[in-house]
Amino acid sequence: MPDKLTAFVEISSLLAIVAVACLLVATGVLPESGCIWLSTILLCAIVWLSWYRFDGGRHPCFLFMVMLFVFQGGRLAGYVVGAKKDPMYIDVQTRFPISVESRYAEITLLIIVLSAILVYAPCRLSYRPVSLRQANAGRWLPALYSLVLLTLPFSLYKNLMYLWYIRTHGGYLVVYTDNADVLQSAGVLARTLSMVNITAILVLFVVETRRRHVMGVLALFGALSFLDLLIGFRGKFFSTILSLWFLMNLKTGRRFRLPMLVTSAVLISASAVIVGFFREDNAFEMVSPIGFLVMQGVSMNVTEAAVKFYSTFSPYGWEYLWGGFVNGLTPTAAAGLHLWSGDLSVYLNPISSNMGFGTASSYLAELYLFGGTSAVAAGSLLIGFCLGFLHRLSSRRIGVLLMAFILPPVIYLPRLEMFNPLAVLLKSCVGISAVIAFALAFDLCARFLKVLSGPSDSSADWEKRKGNAVED
């Protein structure tokens, strides 16, 4: 059977299962517990398909599905294995769990599964294996290494100042209660040059072809990112590490190995718990990997809340999309704008919200509040087309460079604002422009100095031999 036809049958079968399930729910045949089991099975199947069909996960859709399963389906998986009694209760940031009526729970499960299918569909239908064409970029490497070394102290200074301020002013929550002062602790110059430094490191990672040098660049980036982890930015750290792992596979032609993925999942769960203890000064309590999955799956509560309280928050649907975009550019500019995570946090528990606790956001919730199930379907297709475009572009270095910047927020969308990746892309353009300007200026100066120093010995010998040949 041709691959296109196989893909069409595959996607049609998934949609048919969802349609039949909706009919069974409408007629009262399929209970809520059955919906939970079916949703879990479908999400697992789509994660496996995105690994198997895309040559061992060599497509950004695979990472997106993994994160969607963790953040929106983690509690469902906990229910299936007996680790979570009632996954549909809203208990994020509430003093007492809020029960969710069956019709709202069923709509929540529907939009999660439907979104997964519609993100996967355009990626599957347009999939073609790609390999990165490695071109020689040795001319620009001296400029990039020089820029990294020149701006590295500012990057270290910024992260250390953030860490010092947070640890001396009450811990991680001060990031949300006093964000402006946290940013000011490092200063505008350090923040700007730190952004240039991170950009230069990522560009260097993309264009460098020598394996030892690539590993050295990754080690440097990992050390700087580890400071982010100590500050408490777990999501940023882990999504970036997964993205770089994906890009490394793209550069080397490798695929994600299932044993390595399982091992990494266990290590990530343990690390996340330890970081949670460090950043929030909580009592240390180790949990199993399935316990960690249930904890991370709390983002489904954010989607449920959008469904349950739709009539209350839907008038602000467009403002949530715009506010999330502005907040992604700079949090200080978003002051006074409606943010779904902020409004929901205040609605559920205003006291804890004032203390800095929050619910985070979700592209599913924002899209649903904007236009219901149809908006979720359209937005999911848009995400799928964007992931497919990134995959096709990854055969060139410009595509790999683009993914290095926006892949982390894209795969984090199940716990992030819908248009945050666009904001990150715009901010990255500033850093990339600075790196390009420095590289061009460095190259121009190098050529100018070479001209001033006169022809090299080899050039002089060549000119002499040319002259002797003319005389003969």
Protein backbone atom coordinates (compact mmCIF):
# COMPACT_ATOMS: atom_id res chain seq x y z
CA MET A 1 0.00 0.00 0.00
CA PRO A 2 1.42 3.44 -0.93
CA ASP A 3 2.63 5.47 2.03
CA LYS A 4 0.19 8.34 1.38
CA LEU A 5 -2.75 5.94 1.36
CA THR A 6 -1.47 4.27 4.52
CA ALA A 7 -1.23 7.66 6.22
CA PHE A 8 -4.75 8.58 5.12
CA VAL A 9 -6.20 5.30 6.41
CA GLU A 10 -4.28 5.69 9.66
CA ILE A 11 -5.57 9.21 10.35
CA SER A 12 -9.10 8.35 9.20
CA SER A 13 -9.15 5.38 11.57
CA LEU A 14 -8.14 7.56 14.52
CA LEU A 15 -10.83 10.13 13.69
CA ALA A 16 -13.40 7.38 13.19
CA ILE A 17 -12.66 5.98 16.65
CA VAL A 18 -13.16 9.44 18.15
CA ALA A 19 -16.42 9.92 16.20
CA VAL A 20 -17.78 6.55 17.35
CA ALA A 21 -16.78 7.33 20.93
CA CYS A 22 -18.63 10.66 20.76
CA LEU A 23 -21.73 8.85 19.51
CA LEU A 24 -21.49 6.30 22.34
CA VAL A 25 -21.10 9.09 24.89
CA ALA A 26 -24.12 10.95 23.46
CA THR A 27 -26.27 7.82 23.72
CA GLY A 28 -25.08 7.13 27.28
CA VAL A 29 -23.31 3.88 26.40
CA LEU A 30 -19.71 4.98 27.10
CA PRO A 31 -19.18 6.23 30.69
CA GLU A 32 -16.59 8.76 31.80
CA SER A 33 -14.21 6.04 32.98
CA GLY A 34 -14.37 4.44 29.54
CA CYS A 35 -13.55 7.82 27.96
CA ILE A 36 -10.49 8.09 30.20
CA TRP A 37 -9.27 4.63 29.19
CA LEU A 38 -9.90 5.27 25.50
CA SER A 39 -8.21 8.68 25.61
CA THR A 40 -5.14 7.20 27.31
CA ILE A 41 -4.89 4.41 24.75
CA LEU A 42 -5.27 6.84 21.83
CA LEU A 43 -2.65 9.23 23.22
CA CYS A 44 -0.20 6.36 23.75
CA ALA A 45 -0.90 5.11 20.23
CA ILE A 46 -0.24 8.55 18.70
CA VAL A 47 3.02 8.92 20.65
CA TRP A 48 4.13 5.51 19.39
CA LEU A 49 3.06 6.30 15.82
CA SER A 50 4.97 9.60 15.88
CA TRP A 51 8.09 7.64 16.87
CA TYR A 52 7.60 4.69 14.51
CA ARG A 53 6.35 6.52 11.42
CA PHE A 54 8.95 9.27 11.68
CA ASP A 55 12.02 7.02 11.60
CA GLY A 56 12.61 6.76 15.31
CA GLY A 57 11.26 10.17 16.24
CA ARG A 58 13.24 12.19 13.68
CA HIS A 59 10.44 14.75 13.42
CA PRO A 60 9.56 17.56 15.88
CA CYS A 61 6.04 16.13 16.04
CA PHE A 62 7.39 13.28 18.18
CA LEU A 63 8.67 15.61 20.90
CA PHE A 64 5.41 17.56 20.81
CA MET A 65 3.39 14.37 21.32
CA VAL A 66 5.58 13.28 24.21
CA MET A 67 5.06 16.61 25.97
CA LEU A 68 1.32 16.58 25.21
CA PHE A 69 1.04 13.12 26.74
CA VAL A 70 3.01 14.15 29.85
CA PHE A 71 1.28 17.47 30.54
CA GLN A 72 -2.27 16.74 29.35
CA GLY A 73 -2.42 12.96 29.71
CA GLY A 74 -0.22 12.25 32.72
CA ARG A 75 -3.13 12.07 35.16
CA LEU A 76 -5.03 9.81 32.78
CA ALA A 77 -2.09 7.39 32.69
CA GLY A 78 -1.97 7.53 36.49
CA TYR A 79 -5.65 6.56 36.62
CA VAL A 80 -5.11 3.61 34.28
CA VAL A 81 -2.30 2.16 36.43
CA GLY A 82 -4.07 2.90 39.69
CA ALA A 83 -1.91 5.83 40.85
CA LYS A 84 -4.68 8.48 40.59
CA LYS A 85 -8.20 7.86 41.87
CA ASP A 86 -10.06 10.65 40.08
CA PRO A 87 -7.98 12.41 37.39
CA MET A 88 -10.78 14.77 36.37
CA TYR A 89 -10.97 16.67 39.67
CA ILE A 90 -9.52 20.19 39.48
CA ASP A 91 -7.05 20.34 42.37
CA VAL A 92 -4.36 22.66 41.06
CA GLN A 93 -4.00 25.62 43.42
CA THR A 94 -7.29 24.95 45.19
CA ARG A 95 -7.91 24.43 48.91
CA PHE A 96 -10.42 21.70 48.10
CA PRO A 97 -10.75 19.70 44.84
CA ILE A 98 -13.40 20.97 42.44
CA SER A 99 -15.55 18.28 40.88
CA VAL A 100 -16.08 18.45 37.13
CA GLU A 101 -19.38 17.35 35.61
CA SER A 102 -19.17 14.47 33.18
CA ARG A 103 -20.07 16.58 30.14
CA TYR A 104 -17.18 18.97 30.83
CA ALA A 105 -14.79 16.10 31.51
CA GLU A 106 -15.79 14.43 28.23
CA ILE A 107 -15.31 17.66 26.26
CA THR A 108 -11.86 18.06 27.84
CA LEU A 109 -10.84 14.55 26.83
CA LEU A 110 -12.25 15.13 23.35
CA ILE A 111 -10.24 18.30 22.64
CA ILE A 112 -7.02 16.74 23.98
CA VAL A 113 -7.30 13.65 21.76
CA LEU A 114 -8.66 15.59 18.78
CA SER A 115 -5.78 18.06 19.03
CA ALA A 116 -3.24 15.23 19.14
CA ILE A 117 -4.71 13.69 15.97
CA LEU A 118 -4.93 17.00 14.10
CA VAL A 119 -1.35 17.96 14.98
CA TYR A 120 -0.15 14.54 13.87
CA ALA A 121 -2.18 14.46 10.63
CA PRO A 122 -0.40 17.14 8.53
CA CYS A 123 2.98 15.93 9.79
CA ARG A 124 2.19 12.35 8.77
CA LEU A 125 0.70 13.23 5.38
CA SER A 126 3.62 15.46 4.36
CA TYR A 127 6.42 13.40 5.90
CA ARG A 128 9.55 12.70 3.89
CA PRO A 129 12.86 11.66 5.47
CA VAL A 130 15.41 14.47 5.45
CA SER A 131 19.13 14.61 6.12
CA LEU A 132 21.09 17.68 7.05
CA ARG A 133 23.45 18.89 4.34
CA GLN A 134 26.64 19.87 6.16
CA ALA A 135 28.34 22.76 4.37
CA ASN A 136 31.75 24.15 5.26
CA ALA A 137 31.37 27.16 7.55
CA GLY A 138 34.96 27.35 8.77
CA ARG A 139 35.23 30.97 7.67
CA TRP A 140 32.81 32.08 10.40
CA LEU A 141 33.98 29.86 13.25
CA PRO A 142 36.71 32.24 14.59
CA ALA A 143 34.16 35.05 14.83
CA LEU A 144 31.62 32.86 16.61
CA TYR A 145 34.13 31.48 19.12
CA SER A 146 35.40 35.00 19.80
CA LEU A 147 31.88 36.31 20.39
CA VAL A 148 31.08 33.43 22.73
CA LEU A 149 34.19 34.10 24.82
CA LEU A 150 33.62 37.87 24.90
CA THR A 151 30.01 37.62 26.07
CA LEU A 152 30.32 34.56 28.32
CA PRO A 153 31.11 36.60 31.48
CA PHE A 154 27.88 38.56 31.05
CA SER A 155 25.85 35.36 30.72
CA LEU A 156 27.42 33.94 33.86
CA TYR A 157 26.92 37.22 35.72
CA LYS A 158 23.23 37.43 34.77
CA ASN A 159 22.42 33.87 35.87
CA LEU A 160 24.38 34.18 39.10
CA MET A 161 22.67 37.47 39.95
CA TYR A 162 19.26 35.94 39.25
CA LEU A 163 20.14 32.98 41.46
CA TRP A 164 21.44 35.22 44.26
CA TYR A 165 18.41 37.50 44.18
CA ILE A 166 15.93 34.63 44.18
CA ARG A 167 17.67 32.75 46.99
CA THR A 168 17.89 35.88 49.15
CA HIS A 169 14.35 37.15 48.57
CA GLY A 170 12.14 34.22 49.40
CA GLY A 171 12.88 31.65 46.73
CA TYR A 172 11.60 30.82 43.26
CA LEU A 173 8.17 32.42 43.71
CA VAL A 174 9.75 35.88 43.68
CA VAL A 175 10.07 35.41 39.90
CA TYR A 176 6.30 35.93 39.73
CA THR A 177 5.72 38.28 42.66
CA ASP A 178 8.60 40.65 41.87
CA ASN A 179 9.63 39.93 38.29
CA ALA A 180 10.77 43.48 37.49
CA ASP A 181 13.24 43.54 40.39
CA VAL A 182 14.57 40.10 39.44
CA LEU A 183 15.31 41.38 35.94
CA GLN A 184 16.81 44.60 37.28
CA SER A 185 19.18 42.67 39.55
CA ALA A 186 21.33 41.81 36.53
CA GLY A 187 20.91 45.07 34.58
CA VAL A 188 20.02 45.77 30.97
CA LEU A 189 23.57 45.38 29.61
CA ALA A 190 24.12 41.97 31.18
CA ARG A 191 20.72 40.70 30.01
CA THR A 192 21.30 41.92 26.46
CA LEU A 193 24.80 40.50 26.11
CA SER A 194 23.69 37.28 27.80
CA MET A 195 21.05 36.88 25.08
CA VAL A 196 23.75 37.46 22.45
CA ASN A 197 25.95 34.86 24.16
CA ILE A 198 23.25 32.17 24.16
CA THR A 199 22.44 32.99 20.53
CA ALA A 200 26.10 32.71 19.53
CA ILE A 201 26.41 29.35 21.30
CA LEU A 202 23.37 27.96 19.50
CA VAL A 203 24.60 29.25 16.13
CA LEU A 204 28.00 27.69 16.85
CA PHE A 205 26.33 24.40 17.72
CA VAL A 206 24.53 24.39 14.38
CA VAL A 207 27.46 25.31 12.11
CA GLU A 208 30.26 23.40 13.89
CA THR A 209 30.94 19.99 12.33
CA ARG A 210 33.88 18.69 14.40
CA ARG A 211 32.45 16.26 16.92
CA ARG A 212 34.72 17.17 19.82
CA HIS A 213 34.06 20.85 19.33
CA VAL A 214 30.30 20.22 19.12
CA MET A 215 30.41 18.32 22.41
CA GLY A 216 32.39 21.16 23.97
CA VAL A 217 29.79 23.69 22.84
CA LEU A 218 27.03 21.49 24.24
CA ALA A 219 28.88 21.18 27.54
CA LEU A 220 29.17 24.96 27.80
CA PHE A 221 25.50 25.43 27.00
CA GLY A 222 24.58 22.73 29.49
CA ALA A 223 26.58 24.45 32.25
CA LEU A 224 24.79 27.74 31.62
CA SER A 225 21.42 25.98 31.44
CA PHE A 226 22.15 24.22 34.73
CA LEU A 227 22.11 27.63 36.40
CA ASP A 228 18.61 28.11 34.94
CA LEU A 229 17.70 24.79 36.53
CA LEU A 230 19.02 25.92 39.92
CA ILE A 231 17.03 29.13 39.59
CA GLY A 232 13.97 26.94 39.15
CA PHE A 233 13.17 27.09 35.43
CA ARG A 234 12.59 23.36 35.07
CA GLY A 235 10.38 23.59 31.98
CA LYS A 236 12.84 25.79 30.12
CA PHE A 237 15.75 23.51 31.00
CA PHE A 238 14.19 20.16 30.11
CA SER A 239 12.50 21.35 26.92
CA THR A 240 15.80 22.86 25.76
CA ILE A 241 17.74 19.68 26.54
CA LEU A 242 15.20 17.55 24.65
CA SER A 243 15.36 19.94 21.69
CA LEU A 244 19.15 19.85 21.57
CA TRP A 245 19.04 16.06 21.78
CA PHE A 246 16.71 16.08 18.78
CA LEU A 247 18.99 18.48 16.86
CA MET A 248 22.04 16.35 17.70
CA ASN A 249 20.25 13.33 16.24
CA LEU A 250 19.50 15.42 13.17
CA LYS A 251 23.15 16.38 12.75
CA THR A 252 24.44 12.83 13.27
CA GLY A 253 21.67 10.93 11.46
CA ARG A 254 20.70 9.00 14.61
CA ARG A 255 17.27 8.24 16.00
CA PHE A 256 15.73 8.17 19.48
CA ARG A 257 16.37 4.78 21.07
CA LEU A 258 13.55 3.56 23.27
CA PRO A 259 15.79 2.25 26.13
CA MET A 260 17.57 5.61 26.21
CA LEU A 261 14.24 7.45 26.24
CA VAL A 262 12.99 5.39 29.20
CA THR A 263 16.24 5.95 31.10
CA SER A 264 16.10 9.66 30.38
CA ALA A 265 12.49 9.82 31.60
CA VAL A 266 13.48 8.29 34.92
CA LEU A 267 16.43 10.66 35.32
CA ILE A 268 14.30 13.69 34.41
CA SER A 269 11.63 12.74 36.94
CA ALA A 270 14.22 12.37 39.71
CA SER A 271 15.94 15.63 38.76
CA ALA A 272 12.65 17.53 38.62
CA VAL A 273 11.72 16.41 42.15
CA ILE A 274 15.12 17.43 43.51
CA VAL A 275 14.92 20.82 41.80
CA GLY A 276 11.40 21.31 43.15
CA PHE A 277 12.74 20.71 46.66
CA PHE A 278 15.58 23.19 46.10
CA ARG A 279 13.59 25.98 44.46
CA GLU A 280 10.57 25.97 46.78
CA ASP A 281 12.26 24.91 50.02
CA ASN A 282 9.79 22.07 50.41
CA ALA A 283 10.35 18.90 52.37
CA PHE A 284 12.14 16.42 50.15
CA GLU A 285 9.82 13.65 48.98
CA MET A 286 10.90 11.27 46.25
CA VAL A 287 8.21 10.01 43.88
CA SER A 288 8.17 7.24 41.32
CA PRO A 289 8.24 8.01 37.57
CA ILE A 290 4.48 7.39 37.38
CA GLY A 291 4.02 9.71 40.36
CA PHE A 292 6.03 12.35 38.52
CA LEU A 293 3.85 11.80 35.44
CA VAL A 294 0.71 12.37 37.52
CA MET A 295 2.21 15.54 39.00
CA GLN A 296 3.09 16.97 35.58
CA GLY A 297 -0.32 16.00 34.20
CA VAL A 298 -1.89 18.67 36.39
CA SER A 299 -1.86 20.93 33.31
CA MET A 300 -4.97 19.07 32.22
CA ASN A 301 -6.71 20.97 35.06
CA VAL A 302 -5.97 24.19 33.17
CA THR A 303 -7.72 22.82 30.09
CA GLU A 304 -10.60 21.50 32.19
CA ALA A 305 -11.04 24.88 33.85
CA ALA A 306 -11.37 26.53 30.44
CA VAL A 307 -14.15 24.10 29.57
CA LYS A 308 -15.96 24.22 32.92
CA PHE A 309 -15.76 28.00 33.33
CA TYR A 310 -16.15 28.81 29.64
CA SER A 311 -19.01 31.27 30.10
CA THR A 312 -16.99 33.22 32.68
CA PHE A 313 -13.72 33.55 30.77
CA SER A 314 -14.61 33.22 27.08
CA PRO A 315 -15.29 36.99 26.70
CA TYR A 316 -11.52 37.44 27.19
CA GLY A 317 -10.50 34.71 24.73
CA TRP A 318 -8.79 37.04 22.26
CA GLU A 319 -7.11 38.99 25.07
CA TYR A 320 -5.62 35.78 26.43
CA LEU A 321 -4.00 35.05 23.07
CA TRP A 322 -2.65 38.58 22.74
CA GLY A 323 -1.56 38.80 26.36
CA GLY A 324 0.33 35.53 26.08
CA PHE A 325 2.17 36.83 23.03
CA VAL A 326 3.14 40.10 24.73
CA ASN A 327 4.16 38.26 27.89
CA GLY A 328 6.46 36.10 25.78
CA LEU A 329 8.17 39.22 24.44
CA THR A 330 8.66 40.82 27.86
CA PRO A 331 6.67 40.14 31.03
CA THR A 332 6.82 43.78 32.14
CA ALA A 333 4.92 44.88 29.01
CA ALA A 334 2.13 42.42 29.81
CA ALA A 335 1.23 44.23 33.02
CA GLY A 336 -2.43 45.14 32.86
CA LEU A 337 -3.21 42.63 30.12
CA HIS A 338 -5.38 39.58 30.63
CA LEU A 339 -3.40 36.32 30.93
CA TRP A 340 -5.25 33.03 31.19
CA SER A 341 -2.79 31.68 33.77
CA GLY A 342 -3.12 34.84 35.87
CA ASP A 343 -6.92 35.05 35.75
CA LEU A 344 -7.35 31.37 36.50
CA SER A 345 -4.92 31.51 39.42
CA VAL A 346 -6.79 34.42 40.99
CA TYR A 347 -10.15 32.73 40.36
CA LEU A 348 -9.12 29.45 41.98
CA ASN A 349 -7.18 30.84 44.92
CA PRO A 350 -6.48 34.59 45.16
CA ILE A 351 -4.39 34.20 48.33
CA SER A 352 -1.92 31.72 46.84
CA SER A 353 -1.90 33.74 43.62
CA ASN A 354 -0.70 36.80 45.54
CA MET A 355 2.04 34.64 47.04
CA GLY A 356 3.30 33.83 43.53
CA PHE A 357 1.74 30.42 42.91
CA GLY A 358 0.23 29.94 39.47
CA THR A 359 -1.36 27.39 37.18
CA ALA A 360 0.66 28.07 33.99
CA SER A 361 -1.27 28.04 30.73
CA SER A 362 -2.08 25.72 27.83
CA TYR A 363 -2.59 26.26 24.12
CA LEU A 364 -5.67 24.03 24.36
CA ALA A 365 -7.29 26.21 27.01
CA GLU A 366 -6.54 29.48 25.20
CA LEU A 367 -7.85 28.18 21.89
CA TYR A 368 -10.99 26.77 23.49
CA LEU A 369 -11.74 30.07 25.23
CA PHE A 370 -11.19 31.87 21.94
CA GLY A 371 -13.52 29.81 19.79
CA GLY A 372 -14.50 26.48 21.32
CA THR A 373 -13.74 23.09 19.77
CA SER A 374 -13.49 24.52 16.25
CA ALA A 375 -10.70 26.89 17.35
CA VAL A 376 -8.86 23.98 18.99
CA ALA A 377 -9.13 22.02 15.72
CA ALA A 378 -7.91 24.94 13.58
CA GLY A 379 -5.08 25.80 15.98
CA SER A 380 -3.95 22.18 16.17
CA LEU A 381 -3.81 21.93 12.38
CA LEU A 382 -1.77 25.14 12.34
CA ILE A 383 0.70 23.66 14.83
CA GLY A 384 0.92 20.49 12.74
CA PHE A 385 1.65 22.42 9.55
CA CYS A 386 4.31 24.46 11.38
CA LEU A 387 5.98 21.30 12.69
CA GLY A 388 5.93 19.82 9.19
CA PHE A 389 7.46 23.02 7.80
CA LEU A 390 10.23 22.91 10.40
CA HIS A 391 10.93 19.29 9.51
CA ARG A 392 11.23 20.02 5.78
CA LEU A 393 13.44 23.03 6.49
CA SER A 394 15.74 20.98 8.72
CA SER A 395 17.65 19.66 5.71
CA ARG A 396 19.39 23.05 5.71
CA ARG A 397 21.32 24.80 8.41
CA ILE A 398 18.91 27.70 8.45
CA GLY A 399 16.16 25.25 9.39
CA VAL A 400 18.23 23.68 12.17
CA LEU A 401 19.07 27.16 13.44
CA LEU A 402 15.38 28.09 13.44
CA MET A 403 14.51 24.95 15.40
CA ALA A 404 17.29 25.61 17.90
CA PHE A 405 15.43 28.73 19.01
CA ILE A 406 11.73 27.95 18.70
CA LEU A 407 11.53 24.17 19.16
CA PRO A 408 11.73 24.36 23.00
CA PRO A 409 8.67 26.64 23.34
CA VAL A 410 6.80 24.81 20.55
CA ILE A 411 7.03 21.42 22.25
CA TYR A 412 6.17 23.11 25.58
CA LEU A 413 2.85 24.45 24.22
CA PRO A 414 0.76 21.96 26.25
CA ARG A 415 1.83 24.07 29.25
CA LEU A 416 2.44 27.39 27.49
CA GLU A 417 0.61 30.24 25.79
CA MET A 418 -0.37 29.60 22.17
CA PHE A 419 1.69 32.41 20.64
CA ASN A 420 4.71 32.24 22.95
CA PRO A 421 6.86 30.54 20.26
CA LEU A 422 6.19 33.47 17.92
CA ALA A 423 7.35 35.88 20.62
CA VAL A 424 10.49 33.80 21.17
CA LEU A 425 11.17 33.85 17.42
CA LEU A 426 10.95 37.64 17.32
CA LYS A 427 13.28 37.99 20.32
CA SER A 428 15.70 35.53 18.75
CA CYS A 429 15.89 37.70 15.62
CA VAL A 430 17.46 40.44 17.74
CA GLY A 431 20.17 38.12 19.01
CA ILE A 432 20.76 36.60 15.58
CA SER A 433 21.11 40.07 14.05
CA ALA A 434 23.75 40.95 16.63
CA VAL A 435 25.65 37.71 15.94
CA ILE A 436 25.53 38.28 12.16
CA ALA A 437 26.72 41.87 12.54
CA PHE A 438 29.64 40.81 14.74
CA ALA A 439 30.60 37.95 12.41
CA LEU A 440 30.61 40.22 9.35
CA ALA A 441 32.61 42.91 11.16
CA PHE A 442 35.08 40.31 12.46
CA ASP A 443 35.52 38.82 9.01
CA LEU A 444 36.00 42.26 7.46
CA CYS A 445 38.64 43.19 10.04
CA ALA A 446 40.43 39.87 9.51
CA ARG A 447 40.56 40.44 5.74
CA PHE A 448 41.72 44.03 6.22
CA LEU A 449 44.54 42.95 8.54
CA LYS A 450 45.52 40.25 6.09
CA VAL A 451 45.79 42.83 3.31
CA LEU A 452 47.88 45.15 5.52
CA SER A 453 50.25 42.34 6.46
CA GLY A 454 51.06 41.78 2.79
CA PRO A 455 51.05 38.58 0.79
CA SER A 456 52.00 35.42 2.58
CA ASP A 457 55.18 33.50 1.79
CA SER A 458 53.29 30.97 -0.26
CA SER A 459 51.65 33.75 -2.29
CA ALA A 460 55.02 35.41 -2.85
CA ASP A 461 56.53 32.12 -4.03
CA TRP A 462 53.61 31.61 -6.38
CA GLU A 463 54.03 35.11 -7.85
CA LYS A 464 57.78 34.48 -8.25
CA ARG A 465 57.19 31.19 -10.08
CA LYS A 466 54.59 32.91 -12.28
CA GLY A 467 57.10 35.63 -13.16
CA ASN A 468 59.82 33.10 -14.02
CA ALA A 469 57.39 31.27 -16.26
CA VAL A 470 56.60 34.48 -18.14
CA GLU A 471 60.31 35.22 -18.63
CA ASP A 472 60.92 31.76 -20.02
